[in-house]
């Protein structure tokens, strides 16, 4: 057993690096500055209560992006110095964000230990590599992101930190499964490297009927494709889809995790998942090859998902509504019924209509998974989703991309249980169109303006708020832009009072609500690593089933025109077009 000593290293605080709901994200060049990562880690330990640190078990892993292996060794040494009893690391430092949540909630160590928290190393759907993005966040004992009370303390600590603690340990071989023992001033310290997939696969098998999905995937009528975009989902794809469910290995695209995501942008949308989009028949170049019946993609840390049918895109807003509408019949975990459903404010109201139809509790929350976690911990929510390709349930306290794919496969298996050997296959497009026929369609799109000058973005938002008190003036502007658009009946900045803990979250997005149920929402996103990202959400509800088959961008064109001119998007940002349209 190696015996280590603890050093106190003098450091200087940094400012302006406040962690948000998704932790701290910056370019790698920022993280590799002397003491930068160490400051954040020590500030996190200092923000936690003593029992969450001394003698505790922590998980340390992530999506495998560049700098992760270095960061893991640093965090292990700092954990030892701060009195942590043991650290669990996924093999090769790989654990998806949903798998980390599952490990915290489900895994029991050899000695009966349970994890009390985790450092997750990810910048989510942002690119990786020496010149790209890195990130770190802390999750709590429920498996969910740290609440604002903790992230605020972390931030305060980073502005006043004077020293950090680190142990003089040798690096641990995180490629080899096993336990390494050390001895320190406070006793034994262990690092256990474990299989990244086992705990997560076990949990998925307890939720879904794998045998029914296997029958679907083995049918010659059904074809399947999954793209991990060279993110951490690749560590689970072969195990789940090939070994457990019998899919062909050729069904997997880009499923080898890479530090730079193969030079791509690991964001599962129609812009960045180019290879999958082409294979599914949705690219501009017409391929002679018949597309698969079902396709899906994941982001870098595998908490986001994109669902595609043959030549058909399922919006994330529709996806969560359809999962909720079919969950009780198609997914064993929900056979006793749903406790409630929830969506983030910018997400379309498709889920609201399902909740009303099925008489379910419904919640509209700010963007950030911790708000769903509070509802789930209180037993109020079973299924939830965000329009930014995040879908999940109360099986963990993070969004879960592979769970969403398995949910869709479960629905397809249920709908096709009588006709896999004969009869016409019920397709993804059939399921979506039948849903629209029952519940109406929420035409919906999101425009992202990335890396906008931060001051210009704030001026644009301030101008939209300034307009809100005078709806008469707003409607004059709207009619001057498009006479065929309904009038604005309400405008505000979204504010949320948490029904569980009573906390109030203000300034969560600017809303313009129209008489016909249409909405415009403007929000500054904190998920980029530099500059500002303005997100514009445009939605129109159509109940008439004869009008639910239009092209989305065509149906929304009048509202898009109003949104861009009302916000003076080009005037403030200099952008004539968004970076991404989803």
Protein backbone atom coordinates (compact mmCIF):
# COMPACT_ATOMS: atom_id res chain seq x y z
CA UNK A 1 0.00 0.00 0.00
CA UNK A 2 1.34 3.41 -0.99
CA UNK A 3 1.32 5.90 1.89
CA UNK A 4 0.78 9.50 0.85
CA UNK A 5 1.26 12.95 2.33
CA UNK A 6 -1.01 15.95 1.93
CA UNK A 7 0.21 19.33 0.68
CA UNK A 8 -1.44 22.72 1.06
CA UNK A 9 -0.82 24.69 -2.11
CA UNK A 10 -1.20 28.46 -2.15
CA UNK A 11 -3.43 29.78 -4.89
CA UNK A 12 -5.15 32.96 -5.99
CA UNK A 13 -8.89 33.27 -6.65
CA UNK A 14 -10.43 33.81 -10.06
CA UNK A 15 -13.52 35.81 -10.82
CA UNK A 16 -16.29 35.85 -13.37
CA UNK A 17 -16.43 32.06 -13.58
CA UNK A 18 -19.77 31.46 -11.92
CA UNK A 19 -20.97 27.89 -12.41
CA UNK A 20 -24.50 27.59 -13.75
CA UNK A 21 -27.02 24.75 -13.75
CA UNK A 22 -24.61 22.81 -15.96
CA UNK A 23 -21.44 23.54 -14.01
CA UNK A 24 -18.35 25.35 -15.27
CA UNK A 25 -17.56 25.32 -19.00
CA UNK A 26 -14.63 26.98 -20.69
CA UNK A 27 -12.09 26.32 -23.41
CA UNK A 28 -9.38 23.78 -22.57
CA UNK A 29 -6.81 26.60 -22.67
CA UNK A 30 -8.60 28.15 -19.67
CA UNK A 31 -8.75 24.91 -17.66
CA UNK A 32 -5.05 24.16 -18.14
CA UNK A 33 -4.04 27.44 -16.49
CA UNK A 34 -2.16 26.86 -13.22
CA UNK A 35 -4.56 25.99 -10.36
CA UNK A 36 -7.72 26.68 -12.42
CA UNK A 37 -9.28 23.21 -12.13
CA UNK A 38 -7.86 22.83 -8.62
CA UNK A 39 -9.58 26.05 -7.50
CA UNK A 40 -12.98 24.80 -8.68
CA UNK A 41 -12.56 21.34 -7.13
CA UNK A 42 -11.40 22.70 -3.76
CA UNK A 43 -14.17 25.30 -3.82
CA UNK A 44 -16.65 22.47 -4.34
CA UNK A 45 -15.28 20.43 -1.43
CA UNK A 46 -15.45 23.57 0.74
CA UNK A 47 -19.09 24.14 -0.29
CA UNK A 48 -20.19 20.67 0.82
CA UNK A 49 -20.95 19.61 4.38
CA UNK A 50 -18.24 17.59 6.15
CA UNK A 51 -20.19 14.31 5.97
CA UNK A 52 -20.42 14.64 2.18
CA UNK A 53 -16.62 14.75 1.97
CA UNK A 54 -14.78 13.12 4.87
CA UNK A 55 -15.18 9.36 4.71
CA UNK A 56 -17.42 9.66 1.66
CA UNK A 57 -17.54 7.80 -1.65
CA UNK A 58 -17.36 9.95 -4.79
CA UNK A 59 -17.74 9.16 -8.49
CA UNK A 60 -15.29 10.82 -10.90
CA UNK A 61 -15.75 10.26 -14.65
CA UNK A 62 -17.13 11.87 -17.78
CA UNK A 63 -17.53 11.86 -21.52
CA UNK A 64 -13.86 11.21 -22.28
CA UNK A 65 -13.17 14.53 -23.97
CA UNK A 66 -9.66 15.98 -24.17
CA UNK A 67 -8.11 16.81 -20.75
CA UNK A 68 -10.44 14.37 -18.93
CA UNK A 69 -7.70 11.87 -18.02
CA UNK A 70 -5.50 14.59 -16.58
CA UNK A 71 -8.42 16.08 -14.67
CA UNK A 72 -9.43 12.71 -13.20
CA UNK A 73 -5.95 12.19 -11.71
CA UNK A 74 -5.99 15.69 -10.20
CA UNK A 75 -9.44 15.17 -8.65
CA UNK A 76 -8.46 11.76 -7.24
CA UNK A 77 -5.45 13.32 -5.49
CA UNK A 78 -7.49 16.23 -4.16
CA UNK A 79 -10.25 13.89 -2.96
CA UNK A 80 -7.67 11.88 -0.99
CA UNK A 81 -6.25 15.06 0.55
CA UNK A 82 -9.71 16.27 1.58
CA UNK A 83 -10.49 13.08 3.50
CA UNK A 84 -12.66 11.26 0.96
CA UNK A 85 -12.66 7.50 1.72
CA UNK A 86 -12.99 6.12 -1.83
CA UNK A 87 -13.35 7.24 -5.43
CA UNK A 88 -15.17 5.24 -8.11
CA UNK A 89 -14.00 5.73 -11.71
CA UNK A 90 -15.62 4.29 -14.84
CA UNK A 91 -13.14 2.28 -16.90
CA UNK A 92 -11.01 4.64 -19.02
CA UNK A 93 -12.67 7.52 -17.18
CA UNK A 94 -15.88 7.01 -19.17
CA UNK A 95 -19.36 7.35 -17.71
CA UNK A 96 -22.29 9.01 -19.43
CA UNK A 97 -24.00 11.71 -17.39
CA UNK A 98 -27.14 9.54 -16.95
CA UNK A 99 -24.95 6.58 -15.98
CA UNK A 100 -23.26 8.70 -13.27
CA UNK A 101 -26.71 9.47 -11.87
CA UNK A 102 -27.59 5.77 -11.99
CA UNK A 103 -24.32 4.80 -10.27
CA UNK A 104 -24.92 7.31 -7.46
CA UNK A 105 -28.47 6.02 -6.94
CA UNK A 106 -28.04 2.29 -7.58
CA UNK A 107 -24.47 1.07 -7.15
CA UNK A 108 -23.36 -0.62 -3.93
CA UNK A 109 -19.62 -1.15 -3.41
CA UNK A 110 -17.96 -4.38 -2.35
CA UNK A 111 -17.91 -3.10 1.23
CA UNK A 112 -21.55 -1.90 1.09
CA UNK A 113 -20.61 1.71 0.34
CA UNK A 114 -22.88 4.12 -1.58
CA UNK A 115 -21.79 7.24 -3.42
CA UNK A 116 -22.75 10.63 -2.00
CA UNK A 117 -21.86 12.69 -5.07
CA UNK A 118 -19.89 12.96 -8.29
CA UNK A 119 -17.62 15.17 -10.32
CA UNK A 120 -18.77 14.83 -13.94
CA UNK A 121 -16.28 15.93 -16.58
CA UNK A 122 -18.19 17.09 -19.64
CA UNK A 123 -19.05 20.11 -21.73
CA UNK A 124 -22.17 18.28 -22.91
CA UNK A 125 -22.90 18.80 -26.62
CA UNK A 126 -19.98 21.18 -27.26
CA UNK A 127 -16.89 20.15 -29.31
CA UNK A 128 -13.79 18.62 -27.70
CA UNK A 129 -10.06 18.75 -28.35
CA UNK A 130 -7.04 20.83 -27.32
CA UNK A 131 -8.60 24.03 -28.71
CA UNK A 132 -12.22 23.26 -27.84
CA UNK A 133 -14.32 22.88 -24.70
CA UNK A 134 -14.02 21.26 -21.29
CA UNK A 135 -16.39 21.31 -18.36
CA UNK A 136 -16.97 20.07 -14.84
CA UNK A 137 -20.05 19.89 -12.64
CA UNK A 138 -20.97 18.35 -9.31
CA UNK A 139 -23.96 16.06 -8.75
CA UNK A 140 -25.51 15.37 -5.36
CA UNK A 141 -26.52 12.22 -3.48
CA UNK A 142 -29.87 12.01 -5.33
CA UNK A 143 -27.92 11.74 -8.59
CA UNK A 144 -29.01 15.18 -9.79
CA UNK A 145 -27.14 18.44 -10.42
CA UNK A 146 -26.13 20.54 -7.43
CA UNK A 147 -28.86 23.06 -6.49
CA UNK A 148 -28.31 26.80 -6.68
CA UNK A 149 -27.53 26.94 -2.96
CA UNK A 150 -24.46 24.78 -3.59
CA UNK A 151 -23.40 26.31 -6.92
CA UNK A 152 -23.63 29.78 -5.37
CA UNK A 153 -21.34 28.66 -2.53
CA UNK A 154 -18.90 27.15 -5.02
CA UNK A 155 -18.78 30.44 -6.90
CA UNK A 156 -18.30 32.48 -3.72
CA UNK A 157 -15.46 30.16 -2.71
CA UNK A 158 -13.69 30.57 -6.08
CA UNK A 159 -13.57 34.32 -5.52
CA UNK A 160 -11.84 34.03 -2.15
CA UNK A 161 -9.88 30.77 -2.22
CA UNK A 162 -6.31 30.97 -0.90
CA UNK A 163 -5.18 27.33 -0.89
CA UNK A 164 -6.12 23.85 -2.02
CA UNK A 165 -5.23 20.40 -0.68
CA UNK A 166 -3.62 17.71 -2.80
CA UNK A 167 -2.03 14.31 -2.04
CA UNK A 168 1.30 13.14 -3.45
CA UNK A 169 -0.20 10.02 -5.03
CA UNK A 170 1.04 8.26 -8.15
CA UNK A 171 -1.41 8.26 -11.06
CA UNK A 172 -3.97 5.44 -11.00
CA UNK A 173 -4.33 3.16 -14.02
CA UNK A 174 -7.94 3.96 -14.98
CA UNK A 175 -7.85 1.53 -17.92
CA UNK A 176 -7.66 -1.51 -15.65
CA UNK A 177 -10.69 -2.67 -13.64
CA UNK A 178 -9.79 -3.17 -10.00
CA UNK A 179 -9.12 -1.47 -6.67
CA UNK A 180 -5.97 0.46 -5.76
CA UNK A 181 -5.36 1.04 -2.04
CA UNK A 182 -3.50 3.95 -0.48
CA UNK A 183 -2.81 5.03 3.07
CA UNK A 184 -2.91 8.61 4.28
CA UNK A 185 -3.05 10.75 7.43
CA UNK A 186 -6.72 9.86 7.94
CA UNK A 187 -6.49 6.17 7.09
CA UNK A 188 -7.13 4.11 3.98
CA UNK A 189 -8.11 5.66 0.64
CA UNK A 190 -9.25 3.47 -2.27
CA UNK A 191 -9.74 4.08 -5.99
CA UNK A 192 -11.99 1.54 -7.70
CA UNK A 193 -12.11 1.37 -11.48
CA UNK A 194 -15.28 -0.43 -12.58
CA UNK A 195 -17.07 -1.41 -15.79
CA UNK A 196 -18.76 1.69 -17.21
CA UNK A 197 -21.86 -0.06 -18.55
CA UNK A 198 -22.91 -2.81 -16.10
CA UNK A 199 -24.88 -0.75 -13.57
CA UNK A 200 -26.61 1.28 -16.29
CA UNK A 201 -27.52 -1.77 -18.39
CA UNK A 202 -28.97 -3.47 -15.31
CA UNK A 203 -31.15 -0.41 -14.65
CA UNK A 204 -32.38 -0.24 -18.27
CA UNK A 205 -33.34 -3.93 -18.15
CA UNK A 206 -35.44 -3.26 -15.05
CA UNK A 207 -37.35 -0.48 -16.87
CA UNK A 208 -37.97 -1.87 -20.36
CA UNK A 209 -39.12 -5.18 -21.82
CA UNK A 210 -35.89 -6.06 -23.60
CA UNK A 211 -37.40 -9.23 -25.07
CA UNK A 212 -40.12 -7.30 -26.93
CA UNK A 213 -37.52 -4.83 -28.25
CA UNK A 214 -35.31 -7.74 -29.30
CA UNK A 215 -38.22 -9.18 -31.34
CA UNK A 216 -38.66 -5.82 -33.06
CA UNK A 217 -34.95 -5.48 -33.90
CA UNK A 218 -34.75 -9.07 -35.15
CA UNK A 219 -37.62 -8.58 -37.60
CA UNK A 220 -36.46 -8.29 -41.23
CA UNK A 221 -39.10 -5.57 -41.64
CA UNK A 222 -37.44 -3.28 -39.08
CA UNK A 223 -34.08 -1.55 -39.62
CA UNK A 224 -32.19 0.49 -37.04
CA UNK A 225 -29.33 2.98 -36.84
CA UNK A 226 -27.66 4.62 -33.82
CA UNK A 227 -25.04 7.40 -33.99
CA UNK A 228 -22.99 8.17 -30.85
CA UNK A 229 -21.14 11.03 -32.61
CA UNK A 230 -17.92 9.58 -31.10
CA UNK A 231 -19.19 10.50 -27.63
CA UNK A 232 -19.48 8.41 -24.48
CA UNK A 233 -22.72 6.76 -25.69
CA UNK A 234 -20.42 4.52 -27.72
CA UNK A 235 -19.37 2.87 -24.46
CA UNK A 236 -22.97 1.63 -24.07
CA UNK A 237 -24.21 1.21 -27.65
CA UNK A 238 -22.64 -2.15 -28.51
CA UNK A 239 -23.46 -3.58 -25.08
CA UNK A 240 -27.14 -2.58 -25.18
CA UNK A 241 -28.17 -2.53 -28.83
CA UNK A 242 -25.98 -5.36 -30.19
CA UNK A 243 -25.26 -7.72 -27.28
CA UNK A 244 -28.52 -7.33 -25.34
CA UNK A 245 -31.00 -6.49 -28.10
CA UNK A 246 -29.54 -8.26 -31.12
CA UNK A 247 -29.07 -5.35 -33.50
CA UNK A 248 -26.44 -5.68 -36.20
CA UNK A 249 -23.10 -4.09 -35.35
CA UNK A 250 -23.33 -2.32 -38.72
CA UNK A 251 -26.29 -0.41 -37.22
CA UNK A 252 -23.87 1.58 -35.07
CA UNK A 253 -22.28 4.79 -36.37
CA UNK A 254 -19.37 6.63 -34.75
CA UNK A 255 -19.55 4.51 -31.59
CA UNK A 256 -15.86 4.64 -30.67
CA UNK A 257 -15.48 7.39 -28.01
CA UNK A 258 -12.79 9.92 -28.98
CA UNK A 259 -11.20 12.81 -27.09
CA UNK A 260 -12.10 15.21 -29.92
CA UNK A 261 -15.33 13.47 -30.98
CA UNK A 262 -13.67 12.67 -34.30
CA UNK A 263 -13.36 16.37 -35.04
CA UNK A 264 -17.15 16.71 -35.08
CA UNK A 265 -19.66 18.65 -33.04
CA UNK A 266 -21.36 16.11 -30.71
CA UNK A 267 -24.78 17.78 -30.76
CA UNK A 268 -27.62 15.47 -31.89
CA UNK A 269 -29.53 17.73 -34.26
CA UNK A 270 -30.20 17.99 -37.98
CA UNK A 271 -27.22 20.31 -38.49
CA UNK A 272 -24.44 18.40 -36.73
CA UNK A 273 -25.47 14.72 -37.01
CA UNK A 274 -24.77 14.86 -40.74
CA UNK A 275 -23.98 11.18 -41.35
CA UNK A 276 -27.10 9.92 -39.57
CA UNK A 277 -29.30 12.56 -41.22
CA UNK A 278 -28.03 11.45 -44.63
CA UNK A 279 -28.52 7.77 -43.83
CA UNK A 280 -32.10 8.45 -42.69
CA UNK A 281 -32.90 10.14 -46.01
CA UNK A 282 -33.17 13.67 -44.62
CA UNK A 283 -30.19 15.34 -46.27
CA UNK A 284 -30.41 17.44 -49.42
CA UNK A 285 -28.48 14.88 -51.45
CA UNK A 286 -30.79 12.09 -52.53
CA UNK A 287 -29.35 8.65 -51.83
CA UNK A 288 -30.52 5.57 -53.71
CA UNK A 289 -30.14 3.48 -50.54
CA UNK A 290 -33.38 2.83 -48.65
CA UNK A 291 -33.16 4.50 -45.19
CA UNK A 292 -33.64 2.53 -41.97
CA UNK A 293 -37.02 2.61 -40.25
CA UNK A 294 -35.58 4.14 -37.07
CA UNK A 295 -32.55 6.28 -36.31
CA UNK A 296 -31.24 8.02 -33.21
CA UNK A 297 -28.24 10.05 -32.07
CA UNK A 298 -26.62 11.10 -28.79
CA UNK A 299 -24.56 14.07 -27.68
CA UNK A 300 -21.09 13.97 -26.12
CA UNK A 301 -22.15 12.86 -22.63
CA UNK A 302 -25.19 10.85 -23.84
CA UNK A 303 -27.86 12.76 -21.97
CA UNK A 304 -29.43 14.25 -25.13
CA UNK A 305 -31.06 12.39 -28.00
CA UNK A 306 -32.46 12.89 -31.47
CA UNK A 307 -35.18 10.57 -32.81
CA UNK A 308 -35.67 10.05 -36.54
CA UNK A 309 -37.95 7.91 -38.67
CA UNK A 310 -37.41 7.10 -42.32
CA UNK A 311 -37.16 10.56 -43.96
CA UNK A 312 -38.89 11.96 -40.85
CA UNK A 313 -37.68 14.13 -37.94
CA UNK A 314 -39.37 13.96 -34.53
CA UNK A 315 -39.10 17.24 -32.62
CA UNK A 316 -37.96 16.83 -29.00
CA UNK A 317 -41.17 18.54 -27.88
CA UNK A 318 -43.29 15.96 -29.73
CA UNK A 319 -41.01 13.15 -28.56
CA UNK A 320 -41.62 13.69 -24.83
CA UNK A 321 -45.37 14.13 -25.43
CA UNK A 322 -45.55 10.87 -27.41
CA UNK A 323 -43.53 8.97 -24.79
CA UNK A 324 -45.86 10.25 -22.06
CA UNK A 325 -48.96 9.36 -24.08
CA UNK A 326 -47.79 5.77 -24.63
CA UNK A 327 -45.69 5.05 -21.52
CA UNK A 328 -48.24 3.14 -19.45
CA UNK A 329 -49.04 0.68 -22.25
CA UNK A 330 -45.58 0.25 -23.72
CA UNK A 331 -43.07 0.51 -20.85
CA UNK A 332 -43.32 -1.89 -17.85
CA UNK A 333 -41.75 0.65 -15.44
CA UNK A 334 -44.85 2.88 -15.88
CA UNK A 335 -47.50 0.13 -15.84
CA UNK A 336 -49.02 1.48 -12.61
CA UNK A 337 -49.51 4.92 -14.16
CA UNK A 338 -47.68 8.24 -14.37
CA UNK A 339 -47.34 10.43 -11.26
CA UNK A 340 -47.19 13.57 -13.40
CA UNK A 341 -45.33 15.14 -16.31
CA UNK A 342 -43.24 18.27 -16.71
CA UNK A 343 -41.50 20.31 -19.40
CA UNK A 344 -39.18 23.28 -19.49
CA UNK A 345 -40.81 26.60 -20.33
CA UNK A 346 -39.31 26.96 -23.85
CA UNK A 347 -40.49 23.45 -24.80
CA UNK A 348 -43.67 23.36 -26.88
CA UNK A 349 -47.03 22.81 -25.19
CA UNK A 350 -47.51 19.38 -26.82
CA UNK A 351 -47.00 17.74 -23.41
CA UNK A 352 -49.58 20.07 -21.82
CA UNK A 353 -52.28 18.74 -24.15
CA UNK A 354 -51.41 15.13 -23.32
CA UNK A 355 -51.47 15.90 -19.58
CA UNK A 356 -54.90 17.51 -19.88
CA UNK A 357 -56.25 14.64 -21.98
CA UNK A 358 -54.96 11.98 -19.56
CA UNK A 359 -55.77 14.01 -16.42
CA UNK A 360 -52.14 14.09 -15.27
CA UNK A 361 -50.40 16.54 -12.97
CA UNK A 362 -48.48 18.99 -15.14
CA UNK A 363 -45.58 21.36 -14.38
CA UNK A 364 -43.85 24.05 -16.45
CA UNK A 365 -40.37 24.71 -15.07
CA UNK A 366 -37.32 26.82 -15.97
CA UNK A 367 -34.57 25.31 -18.10
CA UNK A 368 -32.34 23.10 -15.94
CA UNK A 369 -32.79 19.47 -14.92
CA UNK A 370 -32.58 20.22 -11.20
CA UNK A 371 -36.14 21.60 -11.34
CA UNK A 372 -37.41 18.24 -12.60
CA UNK A 373 -35.35 16.51 -9.90
CA UNK A 374 -37.18 18.37 -7.14
CA UNK A 375 -40.55 17.25 -8.54
CA UNK A 376 -39.34 13.66 -8.89
CA UNK A 377 -37.91 13.52 -5.37
CA UNK A 378 -41.34 14.64 -4.15
CA UNK A 379 -43.10 11.93 -6.17
CA UNK A 380 -44.83 14.43 -8.47
CA UNK A 381 -43.28 13.66 -11.86
CA UNK A 382 -42.60 10.51 -13.90
CA UNK A 383 -41.74 11.78 -17.40
CA UNK A 384 -40.20 15.10 -18.41
CA UNK A 385 -38.39 16.82 -21.21
CA UNK A 386 -36.67 19.87 -22.62
CA UNK A 387 -36.79 21.05 -26.22
CA UNK A 388 -32.99 20.99 -26.35
CA UNK A 389 -33.10 17.25 -27.11
CA UNK A 390 -33.31 16.22 -23.45
CA UNK A 391 -35.83 13.60 -22.31
CA UNK A 392 -36.01 11.53 -19.15
CA UNK A 393 -37.92 10.01 -16.27
CA UNK A 394 -37.69 9.50 -12.53
CA UNK A 395 -35.44 6.42 -12.89
CA UNK A 396 -32.51 8.86 -12.41
CA UNK A 397 -32.11 12.63 -11.91
CA UNK A 398 -30.58 13.54 -15.26
CA UNK A 399 -31.89 13.53 -18.80
CA UNK A 400 -31.08 10.24 -20.49
CA UNK A 401 -30.49 9.86 -24.21
CA UNK A 402 -30.31 6.06 -24.38
CA UNK A 403 -33.41 5.78 -22.17
CA UNK A 404 -35.30 7.93 -24.72
CA UNK A 405 -34.21 5.66 -27.58
CA UNK A 406 -35.30 2.57 -25.63
CA UNK A 407 -38.63 4.28 -24.86
CA UNK A 408 -39.24 4.84 -28.58
CA UNK A 409 -38.21 1.29 -29.43
CA UNK A 410 -40.61 0.08 -26.73
CA UNK A 411 -43.48 2.08 -28.26
CA UNK A 412 -42.63 0.76 -31.75
CA UNK A 413 -42.45 -2.80 -30.38
CA UNK A 414 -45.85 -2.38 -28.68
CA UNK A 415 -47.52 -0.89 -31.76
CA UNK A 416 -46.10 -3.68 -33.95
CA UNK A 417 -46.49 -6.68 -31.65
CA UNK A 418 -49.19 -8.23 -33.88
CA UNK A 419 -47.67 -7.52 -37.28
CA UNK A 420 -43.95 -8.29 -37.19
CA UNK A 421 -44.60 -11.52 -39.11
CA UNK A 422 -47.21 -10.07 -41.43
CA UNK A 423 -49.05 -6.84 -42.15
CA UNK A 424 -47.82 -3.28 -42.56
CA UNK A 425 -45.26 -1.96 -40.10
CA UNK A 426 -46.38 0.93 -37.87
CA UNK A 427 -43.62 3.47 -38.47
CA UNK A 428 -42.22 6.41 -36.50
CA UNK A 429 -44.03 8.76 -38.88
CA UNK A 430 -47.32 6.86 -38.36
CA UNK A 431 -47.01 7.21 -34.59
CA UNK A 432 -46.32 10.95 -34.79
CA UNK A 433 -49.11 11.66 -37.30
CA UNK A 434 -51.62 9.63 -35.28
CA UNK A 435 -50.56 11.63 -32.21
CA UNK A 436 -51.22 14.90 -34.07
CA UNK A 437 -54.63 13.60 -35.16
CA UNK A 438 -55.52 12.94 -31.53
CA UNK A 439 -53.93 15.89 -29.73
CA UNK A 440 -53.29 18.51 -32.43
CA UNK A 441 -49.90 19.63 -33.69
CA UNK A 442 -47.55 22.19 -32.19
CA UNK A 443 -45.53 23.53 -35.10
CA UNK A 444 -42.25 24.40 -33.46
CA UNK A 445 -38.73 25.50 -34.26
CA UNK A 446 -35.68 26.88 -32.47
CA UNK A 447 -33.17 29.36 -33.87
CA UNK A 448 -29.76 29.42 -32.15
CA UNK A 449 -27.46 32.41 -32.55
CA UNK A 450 -24.16 31.16 -31.09
CA UNK A 451 -21.12 33.15 -29.93
CA UNK A 452 -22.94 36.47 -30.17
CA UNK A 453 -21.27 39.46 -28.51
CA UNK A 454 -22.46 39.23 -24.90
CA UNK A 455 -23.25 42.95 -24.51
CA UNK A 456 -25.22 42.97 -27.78
CA UNK A 457 -27.22 39.94 -26.62
CA UNK A 458 -28.08 41.66 -23.33
CA UNK A 459 -29.18 44.81 -25.18
CA UNK A 460 -31.49 42.77 -27.41
CA UNK A 461 -33.08 41.08 -24.40
CA UNK A 462 -33.42 44.37 -22.51
CA UNK A 463 -35.20 45.93 -25.50
CA UNK A 464 -37.70 43.04 -25.61
CA UNK A 465 -38.45 43.50 -21.91
CA UNK A 466 -38.85 47.25 -22.42
CA UNK A 467 -41.55 46.62 -25.05
CA UNK A 468 -43.63 44.29 -22.87
CA UNK A 469 -45.66 46.76 -20.76
CA UNK A 470 -47.31 48.29 -23.85
CA UNK A 471 -49.11 45.49 -25.71
CA UNK A 472 -50.87 48.07 -27.88
CA UNK A 473 -47.53 49.25 -29.22
CA UNK A 474 -46.32 45.66 -29.60
CA UNK A 475 -49.40 44.73 -31.64
CA UNK A 476 -48.97 47.75 -33.88
CA UNK A 477 -45.42 46.56 -34.60
CA UNK A 478 -46.64 43.00 -35.18
CA UNK A 479 -49.40 44.05 -37.60
CA UNK A 480 -46.90 46.23 -39.43
CA UNK A 481 -44.74 43.16 -39.97
CA UNK A 482 -47.43 40.53 -40.71
CA UNK A 483 -51.16 41.18 -40.78
CA UNK A 484 -51.87 37.42 -40.80
CA UNK A 485 -50.42 36.86 -37.31
CA UNK A 486 -52.68 36.77 -34.24
CA UNK A 487 -52.40 39.53 -31.65
CA UNK A 488 -50.22 39.36 -28.54
CA UNK A 489 -52.35 38.95 -25.39
CA UNK A 490 -49.63 38.53 -22.77
CA UNK A 491 -45.92 39.27 -22.43
CA UNK A 492 -43.64 38.62 -19.46
CA UNK A 493 -40.36 37.27 -18.13
CA UNK A 494 -41.00 33.73 -16.93
CA UNK A 495 -40.82 33.29 -13.16
CA UNK A 496 -41.15 29.96 -11.35
CA UNK A 497 -42.07 29.16 -7.78
CA UNK A 498 -40.95 25.64 -6.95
CA UNK A 499 -43.94 23.75 -5.45
CA UNK A 500 -41.56 21.55 -3.44
CA UNK A 501 -39.11 23.92 -1.75
CA UNK A 502 -40.81 27.28 -2.40
CA UNK A 503 -37.74 28.76 -4.10
CA UNK A 504 -38.35 31.40 -6.76
CA UNK A 505 -36.45 31.55 -10.05
CA UNK A 506 -36.73 34.84 -11.94
CA UNK A 507 -35.69 36.08 -15.41
CA UNK A 508 -36.00 32.62 -16.95
CA UNK A 509 -36.87 33.75 -20.47
CA UNK A 510 -38.87 36.42 -22.27
CA UNK A 511 -42.31 35.34 -23.53
CA UNK A 512 -44.76 36.78 -26.02
CA UNK A 513 -48.04 34.82 -25.98
CA UNK A 514 -50.57 35.18 -28.81
CA UNK A 515 -54.35 34.91 -28.83
CA UNK A 516 -54.34 31.71 -30.93
CA UNK A 517 -51.94 29.87 -28.61
CA UNK A 518 -48.80 30.76 -30.55
CA UNK A 519 -45.67 31.70 -28.59
CA UNK A 520 -42.38 33.48 -29.07
CA UNK A 521 -39.74 32.84 -26.41
CA UNK A 522 -36.30 34.47 -26.22
CA UNK A 523 -33.64 33.13 -23.88
CA UNK A 524 -29.92 33.54 -23.25
CA UNK A 525 -28.36 30.11 -22.94
CA UNK A 526 -25.51 29.32 -20.55
CA UNK A 527 -24.36 26.17 -22.34
CA UNK A 528 -21.70 27.76 -24.54
CA UNK A 529 -18.10 28.23 -23.46
CA UNK A 530 -17.59 31.74 -24.85
CA UNK A 531 -19.71 34.67 -26.02
CA UNK A 532 -23.48 34.43 -25.66
CA UNK A 533 -26.05 32.16 -27.28
CA UNK A 534 -29.46 33.65 -28.03
CA UNK A 535 -32.16 31.03 -28.42
CA UNK A 536 -35.41 31.96 -30.15
CA UNK A 537 -38.34 29.53 -29.85
CA UNK A 538 -41.31 29.82 -32.21
CA UNK A 539 -44.50 27.81 -31.77
CA UNK A 540 -47.96 27.62 -33.34
CA UNK A 541 -50.74 25.22 -32.31
CA UNK A 542 -53.01 23.65 -34.93
CA UNK A 543 -56.05 21.64 -33.81
CA UNK A 544 -57.53 21.11 -37.28
CA UNK A 545 -56.31 17.64 -38.33
CA UNK A 546 -56.57 18.64 -42.01
CA UNK A 547 -53.85 21.26 -41.41
CA UNK A 548 -51.33 19.26 -39.37
CA UNK A 549 -49.34 17.98 -42.34
CA UNK A 550 -47.70 21.22 -43.47
CA UNK A 551 -43.94 21.75 -43.57
CA UNK A 552 -42.96 23.21 -40.20
CA UNK A 553 -40.82 26.08 -41.49
CA UNK A 554 -43.53 27.03 -44.00
CA UNK A 555 -46.24 27.01 -41.30
CA UNK A 556 -44.09 29.09 -38.96
CA UNK A 557 -42.77 31.58 -41.54
CA UNK A 558 -45.11 34.45 -40.51
CA UNK A 559 -44.17 34.09 -36.81
CA UNK A 560 -40.47 33.82 -37.67
CA UNK A 561 -40.75 37.10 -39.59
CA UNK A 562 -42.40 38.75 -36.58
CA UNK A 563 -39.82 37.36 -34.13
CA UNK A 564 -36.79 38.55 -36.08
CA UNK A 565 -38.13 42.04 -36.72
CA UNK A 566 -39.72 42.56 -33.30
CA UNK A 567 -36.42 41.61 -31.61
CA UNK A 568 -34.31 43.56 -34.15
CA UNK A 569 -32.10 40.47 -34.28
CA UNK A 570 -29.90 41.59 -37.15
CA UNK A 571 -29.69 45.16 -35.87
CA UNK A 572 -28.43 44.09 -32.43
CA UNK A 573 -26.32 41.04 -33.33
CA UNK A 574 -25.23 41.68 -36.91
CA UNK A 575 -26.47 38.18 -37.76
CA UNK A 576 -28.57 37.70 -40.88
CA UNK A 577 -29.15 34.01 -40.12
CA UNK A 578 -29.00 31.69 -37.11
CA UNK A 579 -26.10 29.32 -36.50
CA UNK A 580 -28.44 26.35 -36.14
CA UNK A 581 -32.14 25.78 -36.84
CA UNK A 582 -33.83 22.82 -35.15
